[in-house]
Amino acid sequence: ASYLNDERFLILPEALEISYHNLERVISEYKNTMRAWNDFIKKLEKWGG
């Protein structure tokens, strides 16, 4: 942080821990979003869009 003169780098270990803790939930949300998107595209194609 001091080498790059940017204190934001000091929070990286905490950010990594929080991200890892939430990884399973985020992956689940991503999969749900992709499923909904694919369903939307199929319906759109069915309607001739």
Protein backbone atom coordinates (compact mmCIF):
# COMPACT_ATOMS: atom_id res chain seq x y z
CA ALA A 1 0.00 0.00 0.00
CA SER A 2 2.75 2.43 0.86
CA TYR A 3 4.81 1.48 -2.22
CA LEU A 4 1.90 2.33 -4.51
CA ASN A 5 0.74 5.20 -2.29
CA ASP A 6 -2.77 3.75 -2.16
CA GLU A 7 -4.27 2.76 1.17
CA ARG A 8 -7.10 0.83 -0.53
CA PHE A 9 -4.74 -2.11 -0.91
CA LEU A 10 -4.82 -2.55 2.87
CA ILE A 11 -8.40 -3.85 2.71
CA LEU A 12 -7.65 -6.55 0.13
CA PRO A 13 -7.24 -9.37 2.68
CA GLU A 14 -10.63 -8.53 4.22
CA ALA A 15 -12.23 -8.18 0.79
CA LEU A 16 -10.89 -11.61 -0.19
CA GLU A 17 -12.26 -13.20 2.98
CA ILE A 18 -15.71 -11.64 2.48
CA SER A 19 -15.75 -12.64 -1.19
CA TYR A 20 -14.80 -16.22 -0.39
CA HIS A 21 -17.43 -16.39 2.35
CA ASN A 22 -20.14 -15.30 -0.14
CA LEU A 23 -18.89 -17.32 -3.10
CA GLU A 24 -21.47 -20.11 -2.87
CA ARG A 25 -24.37 -17.62 -2.73
CA VAL A 26 -22.99 -15.57 -5.62
CA ILE A 27 -22.54 -18.68 -7.78
CA SER A 28 -26.11 -19.74 -7.00
CA GLU A 29 -27.42 -16.29 -7.93
CA TYR A 30 -25.40 -16.37 -11.15
CA LYS A 31 -26.83 -19.77 -12.10
CA ASN A 32 -30.37 -18.56 -11.38
CA THR A 33 -29.78 -15.47 -13.49
CA MET A 34 -28.41 -17.54 -16.38
CA ARG A 35 -31.36 -19.95 -16.16
CA ALA A 36 -33.84 -17.06 -16.23
CA TRP A 37 -31.97 -15.42 -19.11
CA ASN A 38 -32.01 -18.63 -21.16
CA ASP A 39 -35.74 -19.07 -20.47
CA PHE A 40 -36.32 -15.48 -21.59
CA ILE A 41 -34.37 -16.02 -24.82
CA LYS A 42 -36.32 -19.22 -25.59
CA LYS A 43 -39.63 -17.40 -25.08
CA LEU A 44 -38.46 -14.48 -27.18
CA GLU A 45 -37.48 -16.82 -30.01
CA LYS A 46 -40.82 -18.62 -29.69
CA TRP A 47 -42.64 -15.30 -30.10
CA GLY A 48 -40.57 -14.53 -33.20
CA GLY A 49 -38.42 -11.83 -31.62
